[in-house]
Amino acid sequence: MSDPIADLLTRIRNAGNALLPSVDIPHSKMKESIAHVLKREGYVSDVVIEGAVATKKLKIKLKYEGRKSVIDGLKRVSTPGRRRYVASDEIPRVRNGMGTVILSTPAGILTGNEACRQNVGGELLCFVW
């Protein structure tokens, strides 16, 4: 797998479209941090780490409003073939402020608002709305 973050976003998107209660994803620290940001922003209801050291899995419980997923869309911005970096004053807004941008910064995985408050830039990972 050449892009594990795109795989994470695709699994979440597909599970939401299929109205599944949760999705299992192979564990990594980066994926775990992104999942915790999604939970903190209210896009998913819970993030649980299951399994032993070699077979850890992230179990992400999705959130729904009726028969519609809370997550309308996920878009990978920076890819392995083309990394996209921004300064703290260049962080884009998603859907005119109705979405969230997730960045990888020296301070860890942050949302765009948190990165602006801490005055740090970094790699644009994805947009969520």
N, C-alpha and C. Protein backbone atom coordinates (compact mmCIF):
# COMPACT_ATOMS: atom_id res chain seq x y z
N MET A 1 0.85 -1.17 0.00
CA MET A 1 0.00 0.00 0.00
C MET A 1 0.90 1.24 0.00
N SER A 2 0.71 2.11 -0.98
CA SER A 2 1.58 3.27 -1.10
C SER A 2 1.07 4.49 -0.34
N ASP A 3 -0.23 4.54 -0.03
CA ASP A 3 -0.77 5.70 0.68
C ASP A 3 -1.76 5.24 1.76
N PRO A 4 -1.27 4.97 2.98
CA PRO A 4 -2.15 4.48 4.04
C PRO A 4 -3.19 5.49 4.51
N ILE A 5 -2.91 6.79 4.38
CA ILE A 5 -3.90 7.78 4.81
C ILE A 5 -5.07 7.81 3.83
N ALA A 6 -4.79 7.69 2.54
CA ALA A 6 -5.88 7.61 1.55
C ALA A 6 -6.71 6.36 1.78
N ASP A 7 -6.06 5.26 2.18
CA ASP A 7 -6.78 4.02 2.49
C ASP A 7 -7.71 4.23 3.69
N LEU A 8 -7.23 4.92 4.73
CA LEU A 8 -8.05 5.24 5.91
C LEU A 8 -9.28 6.04 5.50
N LEU A 9 -9.08 7.09 4.71
CA LEU A 9 -10.19 7.94 4.30
C LEU A 9 -11.18 7.18 3.42
N THR A 10 -10.68 6.33 2.54
CA THR A 10 -11.56 5.54 1.66
C THR A 10 -12.38 4.55 2.47
N ARG A 11 -11.77 3.91 3.45
CA ARG A 11 -12.52 2.96 4.29
C ARG A 11 -13.62 3.67 5.07
N ILE A 12 -13.32 4.86 5.61
CA ILE A 12 -14.33 5.62 6.35
C ILE A 12 -15.46 6.05 5.41
N ARG A 13 -15.09 6.54 4.23
CA ARG A 13 -16.08 6.98 3.24
C ARG A 13 -16.99 5.82 2.82
N ASN A 14 -16.41 4.66 2.52
CA ASN A 14 -17.19 3.50 2.08
C ASN A 14 -18.09 2.98 3.19
N ALA A 15 -17.59 2.94 4.43
CA ALA A 15 -18.41 2.47 5.55
C ALA A 15 -19.57 3.42 5.81
N GLY A 16 -19.33 4.72 5.66
CA GLY A 16 -20.41 5.69 5.84
C GLY A 16 -21.48 5.56 4.77
N ASN A 17 -21.06 5.32 3.53
CA ASN A 17 -22.02 5.13 2.44
C ASN A 17 -22.83 3.85 2.61
N ALA A 18 -22.22 2.82 3.22
CA ALA A 18 -22.91 1.55 3.44
C ALA A 18 -23.67 1.53 4.77
N LEU A 19 -23.65 2.64 5.51
CA LEU A 19 -24.33 2.77 6.81
C LEU A 19 -23.85 1.74 7.83
N LEU A 20 -22.57 1.40 7.80
CA LEU A 20 -22.02 0.46 8.76
C LEU A 20 -21.80 1.16 10.10
N PRO A 21 -22.00 0.46 11.22
CA PRO A 21 -21.82 1.10 12.52
C PRO A 21 -20.36 1.43 12.84
N SER A 22 -19.42 0.63 12.32
CA SER A 22 -18.01 0.88 12.60
C SER A 22 -17.16 0.32 11.47
N VAL A 23 -15.89 0.70 11.48
CA VAL A 23 -14.96 0.22 10.47
C VAL A 23 -13.64 -0.11 11.16
N ASP A 24 -13.03 -1.24 10.76
CA ASP A 24 -11.73 -1.67 11.29
C ASP A 24 -10.64 -1.30 10.30
N ILE A 25 -9.56 -0.72 10.83
CA ILE A 25 -8.46 -0.24 10.00
C ILE A 25 -7.15 -0.68 10.63
N PRO A 26 -6.17 -1.15 9.85
CA PRO A 26 -4.87 -1.47 10.43
C PRO A 26 -4.27 -0.26 11.14
N HIS A 27 -3.65 -0.49 12.29
CA HIS A 27 -3.18 0.59 13.16
C HIS A 27 -1.85 1.18 12.71
N SER A 28 -1.73 2.49 12.84
CA SER A 28 -0.46 3.20 12.82
C SER A 28 -0.67 4.46 13.65
N LYS A 29 0.41 5.05 14.12
CA LYS A 29 0.30 6.24 14.97
C LYS A 29 -0.33 7.41 14.21
N MET A 30 0.00 7.55 12.93
CA MET A 30 -0.55 8.63 12.12
C MET A 30 -2.06 8.45 11.96
N LYS A 31 -2.50 7.24 11.64
CA LYS A 31 -3.94 6.98 11.48
C LYS A 31 -4.67 7.19 12.80
N GLU A 32 -4.05 6.77 13.90
CA GLU A 32 -4.66 6.96 15.22
C GLU A 32 -4.82 8.45 15.51
N SER A 33 -3.82 9.26 15.21
CA SER A 33 -3.91 10.70 15.45
C SER A 33 -5.00 11.34 14.59
N ILE A 34 -5.10 10.93 13.33
CA ILE A 34 -6.15 11.47 12.46
C ILE A 34 -7.53 11.07 12.98
N ALA A 35 -7.67 9.83 13.43
CA ALA A 35 -8.95 9.36 13.96
C ALA A 35 -9.34 10.14 15.22
N HIS A 36 -8.37 10.45 16.07
CA HIS A 36 -8.67 11.22 17.28
C HIS A 36 -9.06 12.65 16.94
N VAL A 37 -8.48 13.22 15.90
CA VAL A 37 -8.89 14.56 15.46
C VAL A 37 -10.33 14.51 14.94
N LEU A 38 -10.67 13.47 14.18
CA LEU A 38 -12.04 13.32 13.69
C LEU A 38 -13.02 13.18 14.84
N LYS A 39 -12.63 12.47 15.90
CA LYS A 39 -13.49 12.33 17.07
C LYS A 39 -13.64 13.66 17.79
N ARG A 40 -12.53 14.37 17.96
CA ARG A 40 -12.55 15.66 18.66
C ARG A 40 -13.42 16.68 17.92
N GLU A 41 -13.44 16.61 16.59
CA GLU A 41 -14.23 17.54 15.79
C GLU A 41 -15.68 17.09 15.63
N GLY A 42 -16.03 15.88 16.11
CA GLY A 42 -17.41 15.43 16.10
C GLY A 42 -17.83 14.67 14.86
N TYR A 43 -16.88 14.22 14.04
CA TYR A 43 -17.23 13.48 12.82
C TYR A 43 -17.44 12.00 13.09
N VAL A 44 -16.79 11.43 14.11
CA VAL A 44 -16.99 10.04 14.48
C VAL A 44 -17.31 10.00 15.97
N SER A 45 -17.97 8.92 16.40
CA SER A 45 -18.40 8.87 17.80
C SER A 45 -17.35 8.28 18.73
N ASP A 46 -16.52 7.34 18.25
CA ASP A 46 -15.54 6.74 19.15
C ASP A 46 -14.40 6.12 18.34
N VAL A 47 -13.21 6.08 18.97
CA VAL A 47 -12.03 5.46 18.39
C VAL A 47 -11.46 4.52 19.43
N VAL A 48 -11.33 3.23 19.07
CA VAL A 48 -10.83 2.21 20.00
C VAL A 48 -9.67 1.47 19.33
N ILE A 49 -8.63 1.19 20.12
CA ILE A 49 -7.50 0.40 19.63
C ILE A 49 -7.67 -1.01 20.15
N GLU A 50 -7.68 -1.99 19.25
CA GLU A 50 -7.88 -3.38 19.63
C GLU A 50 -6.72 -4.23 19.17
N GLY A 51 -6.48 -5.35 19.85
CA GLY A 51 -5.51 -6.33 19.41
C GLY A 51 -4.16 -6.22 20.08
N ALA A 52 -3.32 -7.22 19.80
CA ALA A 52 -1.97 -7.27 20.34
C ALA A 52 -1.06 -6.34 19.55
N VAL A 53 0.20 -6.31 19.93
CA VAL A 53 1.15 -5.37 19.33
C VAL A 53 1.27 -5.57 17.82
N ALA A 54 1.41 -6.80 17.36
CA ALA A 54 1.62 -7.06 15.94
C ALA A 54 0.34 -6.94 15.11
N THR A 55 -0.81 -7.11 15.73
CA THR A 55 -2.07 -7.11 14.98
C THR A 55 -3.03 -6.03 15.47
N LYS A 56 -2.51 -4.89 15.86
CA LYS A 56 -3.37 -3.80 16.33
C LYS A 56 -4.28 -3.32 15.21
N LYS A 57 -5.50 -2.97 15.61
CA LYS A 57 -6.47 -2.42 14.68
C LYS A 57 -7.14 -1.22 15.33
N LEU A 58 -7.47 -0.24 14.51
CA LEU A 58 -8.28 0.88 14.95
C LEU A 58 -9.73 0.55 14.64
N LYS A 59 -10.59 0.66 15.62
CA LYS A 59 -12.02 0.48 15.39
C LYS A 59 -12.66 1.86 15.53
N ILE A 60 -13.15 2.38 14.41
CA ILE A 60 -13.74 3.71 14.39
C ILE A 60 -15.25 3.54 14.29
N LYS A 61 -15.97 4.06 15.30
CA LYS A 61 -17.43 4.01 15.29
C LYS A 61 -17.94 5.28 14.64
N LEU A 62 -18.71 5.10 13.58
CA LEU A 62 -19.19 6.23 12.79
C LEU A 62 -20.42 6.85 13.41
N LYS A 63 -20.66 8.10 13.07
CA LYS A 63 -21.79 8.87 13.60
C LYS A 63 -22.75 9.16 12.45
N TYR A 64 -24.04 9.04 12.73
CA TYR A 64 -25.07 9.25 11.71
C TYR A 64 -26.13 10.21 12.21
N GLU A 65 -26.75 10.94 11.27
CA GLU A 65 -27.94 11.75 11.53
C GLU A 65 -29.06 11.12 10.72
N GLY A 66 -29.89 10.33 11.37
CA GLY A 66 -30.91 9.58 10.64
C GLY A 66 -30.25 8.50 9.80
N ARG A 67 -30.49 8.54 8.48
CA ARG A 67 -29.87 7.56 7.58
C ARG A 67 -28.78 8.22 6.73
N LYS A 68 -28.15 9.24 7.28
CA LYS A 68 -27.10 9.95 6.55
C LYS A 68 -25.88 10.10 7.46
N SER A 69 -24.72 9.83 6.92
CA SER A 69 -23.48 9.95 7.69
C SER A 69 -23.20 11.41 8.00
N VAL A 70 -22.60 11.67 9.15
CA VAL A 70 -22.21 13.03 9.53
C VAL A 70 -21.13 13.53 8.57
N ILE A 71 -20.28 12.63 8.09
CA ILE A 71 -19.22 13.00 7.15
C ILE A 71 -19.80 13.02 5.74
N ASP A 72 -19.89 14.22 5.15
CA ASP A 72 -20.37 14.34 3.77
C ASP A 72 -19.28 14.00 2.78
N GLY A 73 -18.05 14.38 3.08
CA GLY A 73 -16.97 14.12 2.15
C GLY A 73 -15.61 14.14 2.82
N LEU A 74 -14.69 13.42 2.21
CA LEU A 74 -13.29 13.35 2.65
C LEU A 74 -12.44 13.50 1.40
N LYS A 75 -11.42 14.34 1.45
CA LYS A 75 -10.56 14.51 0.28
C LYS A 75 -9.11 14.53 0.73
N ARG A 76 -8.31 13.67 0.14
CA ARG A 76 -6.87 13.63 0.40
C ARG A 76 -6.23 14.76 -0.38
N VAL A 77 -5.42 15.59 0.26
CA VAL A 77 -4.82 16.74 -0.40
C VAL A 77 -3.38 16.44 -0.78
N SER A 78 -2.54 16.14 0.20
CA SER A 78 -1.14 15.87 -0.03
C SER A 78 -0.97 14.38 -0.29
N THR A 79 -0.40 14.03 -1.43
CA THR A 79 -0.22 12.62 -1.78
C THR A 79 1.25 12.27 -1.75
N PRO A 80 1.59 10.98 -1.78
CA PRO A 80 3.02 10.62 -1.78
C PRO A 80 3.77 11.17 -3.00
N GLY A 81 3.09 11.35 -4.12
CA GLY A 81 3.74 11.89 -5.30
C GLY A 81 3.83 13.40 -5.32
N ARG A 82 2.98 14.06 -4.54
CA ARG A 82 2.97 15.52 -4.52
C ARG A 82 2.59 16.01 -3.13
N ARG A 83 3.58 16.30 -2.34
CA ARG A 83 3.35 16.82 -0.99
C ARG A 83 2.95 18.29 -1.08
N ARG A 84 2.03 18.69 -0.22
CA ARG A 84 1.58 20.08 -0.21
C ARG A 84 1.75 20.65 1.18
N TYR A 85 2.60 21.67 1.30
CA TYR A 85 2.89 22.30 2.58
C TYR A 85 2.36 23.72 2.57
N VAL A 86 1.92 24.19 3.74
CA VAL A 86 1.42 25.56 3.87
C VAL A 86 1.98 26.18 5.14
N ALA A 87 2.09 27.50 5.11
CA ALA A 87 2.46 28.24 6.31
C ALA A 87 1.21 28.49 7.14
N SER A 88 1.39 28.98 8.35
CA SER A 88 0.25 29.15 9.24
C SER A 88 -0.75 30.18 8.71
N ASP A 89 -0.29 31.15 7.94
CA ASP A 89 -1.21 32.15 7.40
C ASP A 89 -1.79 31.76 6.03
N GLU A 90 -1.43 30.59 5.51
CA GLU A 90 -1.93 30.12 4.21
C GLU A 90 -2.87 28.93 4.33
N ILE A 91 -3.26 28.56 5.54
CA ILE A 91 -4.11 27.38 5.74
C ILE A 91 -5.49 27.65 5.12
N PRO A 92 -5.94 26.80 4.18
CA PRO A 92 -7.22 27.05 3.50
C PRO A 92 -8.42 26.76 4.40
N ARG A 93 -9.55 27.35 4.01
CA ARG A 93 -10.82 27.06 4.68
C ARG A 93 -11.55 26.03 3.84
N VAL A 94 -12.24 25.11 4.50
CA VAL A 94 -12.97 24.06 3.81
C VAL A 94 -14.46 24.39 3.85
N ARG A 95 -15.08 24.43 2.68
CA ARG A 95 -16.51 24.71 2.56
C ARG A 95 -16.90 25.98 3.31
N ASN A 96 -16.10 27.02 3.14
CA ASN A 96 -16.35 28.33 3.75
C ASN A 96 -16.47 28.23 5.28
N GLY A 97 -15.64 27.40 5.88
CA GLY A 97 -15.62 27.27 7.34
C GLY A 97 -16.50 26.15 7.88
N MET A 98 -17.26 25.48 7.02
CA MET A 98 -18.15 24.42 7.48
C MET A 98 -17.45 23.06 7.55
N GLY A 99 -16.23 22.97 7.07
CA GLY A 99 -15.46 21.74 7.11
C GLY A 99 -14.20 21.92 7.94
N THR A 100 -13.35 20.90 7.90
CA THR A 100 -12.13 20.90 8.68
C THR A 100 -10.97 20.48 7.80
N VAL A 101 -9.85 21.16 7.97
CA VAL A 101 -8.62 20.76 7.31
C VAL A 101 -7.73 20.12 8.38
N ILE A 102 -7.10 18.99 8.05
CA ILE A 102 -6.22 18.29 8.99
C ILE A 102 -4.80 18.41 8.48
N LEU A 103 -3.89 18.85 9.37
CA LEU A 103 -2.50 19.08 9.00
C LEU A 103 -1.57 18.24 9.87
N SER A 104 -0.43 17.90 9.30
CA SER A 104 0.65 17.28 10.05
C SER A 104 1.68 18.38 10.31
N THR A 105 1.84 18.77 11.57
CA THR A 105 2.70 19.88 11.94
C THR A 105 3.79 19.41 12.89
N PRO A 106 4.78 20.24 13.18
CA PRO A 106 5.76 19.88 14.19
C PRO A 106 5.14 19.68 15.58
N ALA A 107 3.95 20.25 15.79
CA ALA A 107 3.24 20.10 17.06
C ALA A 107 2.32 18.88 17.06
N GLY A 108 2.34 18.08 16.00
CA GLY A 108 1.49 16.89 15.89
C GLY A 108 0.41 17.09 14.85
N ILE A 109 -0.55 16.17 14.82
CA ILE A 109 -1.67 16.25 13.88
C ILE A 109 -2.69 17.22 14.46
N LEU A 110 -2.97 18.30 13.72
CA LEU A 110 -3.87 19.35 14.21
C LEU A 110 -4.89 19.72 13.14
N THR A 111 -5.97 20.36 13.57
CA THR A 111 -6.91 20.95 12.62
C THR A 111 -6.35 22.30 12.18
N GLY A 112 -6.94 22.87 11.16
CA GLY A 112 -6.49 24.16 10.66
C GLY A 112 -6.62 25.26 11.71
N ASN A 113 -7.72 25.26 12.46
CA ASN A 113 -7.92 26.28 13.50
C ASN A 113 -6.88 26.17 14.61
N GLU A 114 -6.59 24.94 15.04
CA GLU A 114 -5.58 24.74 16.09
C GLU A 114 -4.21 25.18 15.61
N ALA A 115 -3.89 24.87 14.34
CA ALA A 115 -2.59 25.26 13.78
C ALA A 115 -2.46 26.78 13.69
N CYS A 116 -3.55 27.46 13.32
CA CYS A 116 -3.52 28.93 13.27
C CYS A 116 -3.31 29.51 14.67
N ARG A 117 -4.00 28.96 15.66
CA ARG A 117 -3.84 29.45 17.04
C ARG A 117 -2.43 29.25 17.55
N GLN A 118 -1.80 28.12 17.18
CA GLN A 118 -0.44 27.84 17.63
C GLN A 118 0.61 28.43 16.69
N ASN A 119 0.15 29.07 15.59
CA ASN A 119 1.03 29.72 14.62
C ASN A 119 2.05 28.75 14.03
N VAL A 120 1.57 27.56 13.62
CA VAL A 120 2.44 26.58 12.96
C VAL A 120 1.80 26.17 11.64
N GLY A 121 2.63 25.91 10.67
CA GLY A 121 2.19 25.39 9.39
C GLY A 121 2.58 23.93 9.29
N GLY A 122 2.36 23.33 8.14
CA GLY A 122 2.73 21.94 7.98
C GLY A 122 2.17 21.37 6.69
N GLU A 123 2.13 20.04 6.64
CA GLU A 123 1.63 19.34 5.46
C GLU A 123 0.13 19.19 5.52
N LEU A 124 -0.57 19.59 4.46
CA LEU A 124 -2.02 19.43 4.38
C LEU A 124 -2.31 17.94 4.14
N LEU A 125 -2.96 17.29 5.08
CA LEU A 125 -3.27 15.88 4.89
C LEU A 125 -4.58 15.67 4.16
N CYS A 126 -5.67 16.27 4.71
CA CYS A 126 -6.97 16.04 4.09
C CYS A 126 -7.97 17.11 4.48
N PHE A 127 -9.05 17.17 3.69
CA PHE A 127 -10.21 18.01 3.99
C PHE A 127 -11.35 17.09 4.40
N VAL A 128 -12.12 17.51 5.42
CA VAL A 128 -13.29 16.75 5.87
C VAL A 128 -14.46 17.73 5.96
N TRP A 129 -15.62 17.34 5.40
CA TRP A 129 -16.81 18.16 5.54
C TRP A 129 -18.03 17.30 5.64
